[in-house]
Amino acid sequence: MKRDARRYDGCASRLTFHHSHLLKNVLPKVKGVTSNPTERQARQFLRAWERAKRYEQKVKRLEEAVSKLQDERERMVAEALMDGEKLYMIAQELNVSRQIVHEIKRSVIKKLAFELYGEETKASLLHK
């Protein structure tokens, strides 16, 4: 009797595996999802590559706009901010207060917005 029970237990586990395998093949697959992991990784890589290219173009446009700034202090503040320096460090370097650096930063941002986005920015600022 015990021997028969063991035989059925083994058979049941095989049936369970077999049935679950069949169910996977019968159930509908989600549309738009790639089941091929290599293809999914390739798509992720391409998306990341395209995103990096877009960021690279934006940074290039920003650097060109910064180089067109007339005021030397504005250019220095913009470059320092792009390098990730803190306002107090920029203030120490320029020998001015943080408030002055903050005002220069606001001026730089306005000028860069006009340079990069032109008429769109002017129209949105006039409506406020």
N, C-alpha and C. Protein backbone atom coordinates (compact mmCIF):
# COMPACT_ATOMS: atom_id res chain seq x y z
N MET A 1 0.81 -1.18 0.00
CA MET A 1 0.00 0.00 0.00
C MET A 1 0.87 1.26 0.00
N LYS A 2 1.90 1.26 0.86
CA LYS A 2 2.79 2.41 0.90
C LYS A 2 3.48 2.59 -0.45
N ARG A 3 3.79 1.47 -1.06
CA ARG A 3 4.46 1.51 -2.35
C ARG A 3 3.55 2.14 -3.39
N ASP A 4 2.28 1.82 -3.39
CA ASP A 4 1.32 2.41 -4.32
C ASP A 4 1.18 3.91 -4.07
N ALA A 5 1.18 4.29 -2.80
CA ALA A 5 1.04 5.71 -2.45
C ALA A 5 2.23 6.50 -2.99
N ARG A 6 3.43 5.93 -2.86
CA ARG A 6 4.61 6.62 -3.39
C ARG A 6 4.54 6.74 -4.90
N ARG A 7 4.04 5.72 -5.54
CA ARG A 7 3.92 5.74 -6.99
C ARG A 7 2.95 6.85 -7.42
N TYR A 8 1.85 7.00 -6.71
CA TYR A 8 0.88 8.04 -7.05
C TYR A 8 1.42 9.44 -6.75
N ASP A 9 2.18 9.57 -5.66
CA ASP A 9 2.77 10.87 -5.34
C ASP A 9 3.71 11.32 -6.44
N GLY A 10 4.54 10.41 -6.91
CA GLY A 10 5.45 10.75 -8.00
C GLY A 10 4.71 11.08 -9.27
N CYS A 11 3.66 10.35 -9.53
CA CYS A 11 2.85 10.58 -10.72
C CYS A 11 2.14 11.93 -10.63
N ALA A 12 1.65 12.26 -9.43
CA ALA A 12 0.94 13.53 -9.25
C ALA A 12 1.88 14.71 -9.48
N SER A 13 3.12 14.61 -8.99
CA SER A 13 4.04 15.72 -9.19
C SER A 13 4.39 15.88 -10.67
N ARG A 14 4.50 14.77 -11.39
CA ARG A 14 4.75 14.86 -12.82
C ARG A 14 3.56 15.46 -13.54
N LEU A 15 2.36 15.07 -13.13
CA LEU A 15 1.16 15.62 -13.77
C LEU A 15 1.05 17.11 -13.51
N THR A 16 1.36 17.52 -12.29
CA THR A 16 1.28 18.94 -11.96
C THR A 16 2.25 19.74 -12.82
N PHE A 17 3.49 19.27 -12.94
CA PHE A 17 4.46 19.96 -13.78
C PHE A 17 3.99 19.98 -15.23
N HIS A 18 3.52 18.84 -15.69
CA HIS A 18 3.08 18.73 -17.08
C HIS A 18 1.89 19.65 -17.35
N HIS A 19 0.94 19.69 -16.43
CA HIS A 19 -0.24 20.54 -16.64
C HIS A 19 0.13 22.02 -16.59
N SER A 20 1.01 22.40 -15.66
CA SER A 20 1.40 23.81 -15.59
C SER A 20 2.15 24.21 -16.86
N HIS A 21 2.93 23.30 -17.41
CA HIS A 21 3.64 23.58 -18.65
C HIS A 21 2.66 23.76 -19.80
N LEU A 22 1.63 22.92 -19.83
CA LEU A 22 0.60 23.05 -20.87
C LEU A 22 -0.18 24.35 -20.72
N LEU A 23 -0.46 24.73 -19.47
CA LEU A 23 -1.21 25.96 -19.24
C LEU A 23 -0.45 27.18 -19.75
N LYS A 24 0.86 27.19 -19.57
CA LYS A 24 1.66 28.31 -20.06
C LYS A 24 1.53 28.45 -21.57
N ASN A 25 1.47 27.32 -22.26
CA ASN A 25 1.36 27.36 -23.72
C ASN A 25 -0.03 27.73 -24.19
N VAL A 26 -1.05 27.48 -23.36
CA VAL A 26 -2.43 27.72 -23.76
C VAL A 26 -2.86 29.16 -23.46
N LEU A 27 -2.37 29.72 -22.35
CA LEU A 27 -2.78 31.07 -21.96
C LEU A 27 -2.30 32.09 -22.98
N PRO A 28 -3.09 33.14 -23.19
CA PRO A 28 -2.68 34.17 -24.16
C PRO A 28 -1.48 34.95 -23.65
N LYS A 29 -0.62 35.33 -24.56
CA LYS A 29 0.56 36.12 -24.19
C LYS A 29 0.20 37.60 -24.20
N VAL A 30 0.89 38.37 -23.38
CA VAL A 30 0.66 39.80 -23.32
C VAL A 30 1.20 40.43 -24.59
N LYS A 31 0.38 41.27 -25.22
CA LYS A 31 0.81 41.89 -26.47
C LYS A 31 1.81 43.00 -26.19
N GLY A 32 2.76 43.15 -27.07
CA GLY A 32 3.75 44.22 -26.95
C GLY A 32 4.93 43.87 -26.07
N VAL A 33 4.91 42.75 -25.40
CA VAL A 33 6.01 42.36 -24.53
C VAL A 33 6.84 41.31 -25.26
N THR A 34 8.12 41.57 -25.34
CA THR A 34 9.02 40.65 -26.02
C THR A 34 9.46 39.58 -25.03
N SER A 35 9.31 38.35 -25.41
CA SER A 35 9.71 37.27 -24.51
C SER A 35 11.18 36.91 -24.69
N ASN A 36 11.80 37.42 -25.74
CA ASN A 36 13.20 37.13 -26.00
C ASN A 36 14.05 38.08 -25.16
N PRO A 37 14.78 37.58 -24.16
CA PRO A 37 15.54 38.48 -23.29
C PRO A 37 16.66 39.22 -24.02
N THR A 38 17.25 38.61 -25.03
CA THR A 38 18.31 39.28 -25.78
C THR A 38 17.76 40.47 -26.55
N GLU A 39 16.61 40.28 -27.16
CA GLU A 39 15.99 41.38 -27.90
C GLU A 39 15.57 42.49 -26.95
N ARG A 40 15.05 42.13 -25.79
CA ARG A 40 14.65 43.13 -24.79
C ARG A 40 15.85 43.95 -24.35
N GLN A 41 16.98 43.28 -24.09
CA GLN A 41 18.19 43.99 -23.69
C GLN A 41 18.69 44.89 -24.81
N ALA A 42 18.60 44.42 -26.04
CA ALA A 42 19.03 45.24 -27.18
C ALA A 42 18.17 46.49 -27.28
N ARG A 43 16.86 46.34 -27.09
CA ARG A 43 15.97 47.52 -27.14
C ARG A 43 16.28 48.49 -26.01
N GLN A 44 16.53 47.97 -24.81
CA GLN A 44 16.88 48.83 -23.69
C GLN A 44 18.17 49.58 -23.97
N PHE A 45 19.15 48.88 -24.55
CA PHE A 45 20.42 49.52 -24.88
C PHE A 45 20.21 50.63 -25.91
N LEU A 46 19.40 50.36 -26.94
CA LEU A 46 19.15 51.37 -27.97
C LEU A 46 18.43 52.58 -27.40
N ARG A 47 17.47 52.35 -26.51
CA ARG A 47 16.77 53.48 -25.87
C ARG A 47 17.75 54.31 -25.05
N ALA A 48 18.61 53.64 -24.30
CA ALA A 48 19.61 54.35 -23.49
C ALA A 48 20.58 55.12 -24.38
N TRP A 49 20.97 54.52 -25.50
CA TRP A 49 21.89 55.17 -26.43
C TRP A 49 21.24 56.43 -27.02
N GLU A 50 19.98 56.32 -27.44
CA GLU A 50 19.28 57.47 -28.01
C GLU A 50 19.10 58.57 -26.97
N ARG A 51 18.78 58.18 -25.73
CA ARG A 51 18.63 59.16 -24.66
C ARG A 51 19.95 59.88 -24.41
N ALA A 52 21.05 59.13 -24.41
CA ALA A 52 22.37 59.73 -24.20
C ALA A 52 22.71 60.70 -25.33
N LYS A 53 22.35 60.35 -26.56
CA LYS A 53 22.60 61.24 -27.70
C LYS A 53 21.80 62.54 -27.55
N ARG A 54 20.52 62.41 -27.14
CA ARG A 54 19.70 63.62 -26.94
C ARG A 54 20.30 64.51 -25.87
N TYR A 55 20.74 63.92 -24.74
CA TYR A 55 21.36 64.70 -23.67
C TYR A 55 22.64 65.36 -24.16
N GLU A 56 23.41 64.64 -24.94
CA GLU A 56 24.65 65.18 -25.48
C GLU A 56 24.37 66.41 -26.34
N GLN A 57 23.34 66.34 -27.17
CA GLN A 57 22.97 67.48 -28.02
C GLN A 57 22.51 68.66 -27.17
N LYS A 58 21.73 68.39 -26.12
CA LYS A 58 21.26 69.46 -25.24
C LYS A 58 22.42 70.14 -24.54
N VAL A 59 23.37 69.34 -24.05
CA VAL A 59 24.53 69.91 -23.36
C VAL A 59 25.36 70.74 -24.33
N LYS A 60 25.51 70.27 -25.55
CA LYS A 60 26.27 71.02 -26.55
C LYS A 60 25.61 72.37 -26.83
N ARG A 61 24.28 72.36 -26.99
CA ARG A 61 23.56 73.62 -27.22
C ARG A 61 23.71 74.56 -26.03
N LEU A 62 23.65 74.00 -24.82
CA LEU A 62 23.79 74.81 -23.62
C LEU A 62 25.19 75.41 -23.53
N GLU A 63 26.21 74.62 -23.81
CA GLU A 63 27.58 75.14 -23.77
C GLU A 63 27.80 76.24 -24.80
N GLU A 64 27.20 76.08 -25.98
CA GLU A 64 27.30 77.13 -27.01
C GLU A 64 26.61 78.40 -26.53
N ALA A 65 25.46 78.27 -25.90
CA ALA A 65 24.74 79.44 -25.40
C ALA A 65 25.53 80.12 -24.28
N VAL A 66 26.17 79.34 -23.41
CA VAL A 66 26.97 79.92 -22.33
C VAL A 66 28.16 80.67 -22.91
N SER A 67 28.76 80.15 -23.96
CA SER A 67 29.92 80.83 -24.55
C SER A 67 29.53 82.17 -25.18
N LYS A 68 28.25 82.36 -25.50
CA LYS A 68 27.79 83.62 -26.09
C LYS A 68 27.48 84.69 -25.05
N LEU A 69 27.52 84.33 -23.75
CA LEU A 69 27.25 85.33 -22.71
C LEU A 69 28.33 86.41 -22.75
N GLN A 70 27.91 87.66 -22.64
CA GLN A 70 28.84 88.79 -22.73
C GLN A 70 29.58 89.04 -21.42
N ASP A 71 28.87 88.98 -20.32
CA ASP A 71 29.46 89.29 -19.02
C ASP A 71 30.33 88.13 -18.54
N GLU A 72 31.56 88.45 -18.17
CA GLU A 72 32.51 87.43 -17.73
C GLU A 72 32.03 86.73 -16.45
N ARG A 73 31.48 87.51 -15.51
CA ARG A 73 31.00 86.90 -14.27
C ARG A 73 29.85 85.94 -14.53
N GLU A 74 28.95 86.31 -15.44
CA GLU A 74 27.84 85.42 -15.78
C GLU A 74 28.36 84.12 -16.39
N ARG A 75 29.34 84.24 -17.27
CA ARG A 75 29.90 83.06 -17.89
C ARG A 75 30.57 82.16 -16.85
N MET A 76 31.31 82.77 -15.91
CA MET A 76 31.97 82.00 -14.87
C MET A 76 30.96 81.28 -13.98
N VAL A 77 29.87 81.98 -13.61
CA VAL A 77 28.84 81.37 -12.76
C VAL A 77 28.17 80.22 -13.51
N ALA A 78 27.85 80.43 -14.77
CA ALA A 78 27.19 79.38 -15.56
C ALA A 78 28.08 78.15 -15.68
N GLU A 79 29.34 78.35 -15.98
CA GLU A 79 30.26 77.21 -16.12
C GLU A 79 30.45 76.49 -14.79
N ALA A 80 30.54 77.26 -13.70
CA ALA A 80 30.70 76.63 -12.39
C ALA A 80 29.46 75.82 -12.02
N LEU A 81 28.28 76.35 -12.32
CA LEU A 81 27.04 75.61 -12.04
C LEU A 81 26.97 74.33 -12.88
N MET A 82 27.39 74.42 -14.13
CA MET A 82 27.38 73.23 -14.99
C MET A 82 28.38 72.19 -14.49
N ASP A 83 29.44 72.64 -13.82
CA ASP A 83 30.41 71.72 -13.24
C ASP A 83 29.95 71.16 -11.90
N GLY A 84 28.82 71.68 -11.38
CA GLY A 84 28.25 71.16 -10.14
C GLY A 84 28.73 71.86 -8.89
N GLU A 85 29.35 73.01 -9.02
CA GLU A 85 29.82 73.72 -7.84
C GLU A 85 28.65 74.35 -7.09
N LYS A 86 28.80 74.47 -5.79
CA LYS A 86 27.78 75.08 -4.93
C LYS A 86 27.89 76.60 -5.00
N LEU A 87 26.76 77.26 -4.69
CA LEU A 87 26.73 78.72 -4.77
C LEU A 87 27.76 79.36 -3.84
N TYR A 88 27.93 78.83 -2.62
CA TYR A 88 28.87 79.45 -1.69
C TYR A 88 30.31 79.31 -2.20
N MET A 89 30.62 78.22 -2.91
CA MET A 89 31.97 78.06 -3.46
C MET A 89 32.21 79.05 -4.59
N ILE A 90 31.17 79.26 -5.41
CA ILE A 90 31.28 80.23 -6.51
C ILE A 90 31.45 81.62 -5.92
N ALA A 91 30.70 81.91 -4.86
CA ALA A 91 30.79 83.23 -4.21
C ALA A 91 32.19 83.47 -3.68
N GLN A 92 32.79 82.47 -3.06
CA GLN A 92 34.15 82.62 -2.54
C GLN A 92 35.14 82.86 -3.68
N GLU A 93 34.95 82.14 -4.77
CA GLU A 93 35.86 82.29 -5.91
C GLU A 93 35.77 83.68 -6.53
N LEU A 94 34.53 84.22 -6.62
CA LEU A 94 34.34 85.55 -7.21
C LEU A 94 34.50 86.67 -6.20
N ASN A 95 34.63 86.30 -4.92
CA ASN A 95 34.77 87.28 -3.85
C ASN A 95 33.53 88.17 -3.72
N VAL A 96 32.37 87.55 -3.80
CA VAL A 96 31.09 88.25 -3.62
C VAL A 96 30.21 87.40 -2.70
N SER A 97 29.05 87.94 -2.34
CA SER A 97 28.14 87.19 -1.46
C SER A 97 27.37 86.14 -2.25
N ARG A 98 26.77 85.20 -1.52
CA ARG A 98 25.95 84.18 -2.17
C ARG A 98 24.73 84.81 -2.82
N GLN A 99 24.20 85.87 -2.22
CA GLN A 99 23.04 86.55 -2.79
C GLN A 99 23.37 87.12 -4.17
N ILE A 100 24.54 87.70 -4.31
CA ILE A 100 24.97 88.24 -5.61
C ILE A 100 25.09 87.11 -6.62
N VAL A 101 25.67 85.98 -6.20
CA VAL A 101 25.80 84.83 -7.10
C VAL A 101 24.41 84.33 -7.50
N HIS A 102 23.48 84.32 -6.54
CA HIS A 102 22.12 83.89 -6.85
C HIS A 102 21.47 84.82 -7.88
N GLU A 103 21.67 86.12 -7.74
CA GLU A 103 21.12 87.08 -8.71
C GLU A 103 21.76 86.89 -10.09
N ILE A 104 23.07 86.67 -10.12
CA ILE A 104 23.76 86.42 -11.40
C ILE A 104 23.21 85.15 -12.03
N LYS A 105 23.00 84.13 -11.21
CA LYS A 105 22.45 82.86 -11.70
C LYS A 105 21.07 83.07 -12.32
N ARG A 106 20.21 83.84 -11.66
CA ARG A 106 18.87 84.11 -12.21
C ARG A 106 18.98 84.84 -13.55
N SER A 107 19.89 85.78 -13.63
CA SER A 107 20.10 86.52 -14.87
C SER A 107 20.59 85.59 -15.98
N VAL A 108 21.52 84.71 -15.63
CA VAL A 108 22.06 83.76 -16.60
C VAL A 108 20.96 82.83 -17.11
N ILE A 109 20.13 82.34 -16.21
CA ILE A 109 19.07 81.42 -16.61
C ILE A 109 18.10 82.10 -17.56
N LYS A 110 17.75 83.34 -17.29
CA LYS A 110 16.86 84.08 -18.21
C LYS A 110 17.50 84.24 -19.58
N LYS A 111 18.76 84.64 -19.59
CA LYS A 111 19.44 84.84 -20.87
C LYS A 111 19.58 83.53 -21.65
N LEU A 112 19.90 82.45 -20.95
CA LEU A 112 20.03 81.16 -21.62
C LEU A 112 18.68 80.67 -22.13
N ALA A 113 17.63 80.93 -21.37
CA ALA A 113 16.30 80.52 -21.82
C ALA A 113 15.94 81.26 -23.10
N PHE A 114 16.22 82.55 -23.16
CA PHE A 114 15.95 83.31 -24.38
C PHE A 114 16.79 82.81 -25.54
N GLU A 115 18.04 82.49 -25.25
CA GLU A 115 18.94 82.01 -26.30
C GLU A 115 18.51 80.63 -26.82
N LEU A 116 18.15 79.74 -25.92
CA LEU A 116 17.83 78.37 -26.31
C LEU A 116 16.41 78.20 -26.84
N TYR A 117 15.47 78.91 -26.23
CA TYR A 117 14.07 78.68 -26.57
C TYR A 117 13.38 79.87 -27.21
N GLY A 118 14.07 80.97 -27.32
CA GLY A 118 13.61 82.12 -28.07
C GLY A 118 12.21 82.61 -27.78
N GLU A 119 11.40 82.65 -28.82
CA GLU A 119 10.08 83.27 -28.75
C GLU A 119 9.14 82.55 -27.79
N GLU A 120 9.26 81.24 -27.66
CA GLU A 120 8.41 80.49 -26.72
C GLU A 120 8.54 81.06 -25.32
N THR A 121 9.79 81.29 -24.89
CA THR A 121 10.06 81.77 -23.55
C THR A 121 9.55 83.19 -23.37
N LYS A 122 9.78 84.03 -24.36
CA LYS A 122 9.32 85.42 -24.26
C LYS A 122 7.81 85.47 -24.11
N ALA A 123 7.11 84.67 -24.89
CA ALA A 123 5.65 84.66 -24.83
C ALA A 123 5.16 84.17 -23.48
N SER A 124 5.78 83.12 -22.94
CA SER A 124 5.32 82.58 -21.66
C SER A 124 5.62 83.54 -20.51
N LEU A 125 6.73 84.27 -20.57
CA LEU A 125 7.05 85.22 -19.52
C LEU A 125 6.15 86.45 -19.58
N LEU A 126 5.74 86.84 -20.76
CA LEU A 126 4.87 88.01 -20.90
C LEU A 126 3.46 87.73 -20.39
N HIS A 127 3.02 86.49 -20.47
CA HIS A 127 1.67 86.14 -20.04
C HIS A 127 1.56 85.99 -18.53
N LYS A 128 2.65 85.95 -17.82
CA LYS A 128 2.61 85.76 -16.35
C LYS A 128 2.41 87.05 -15.64
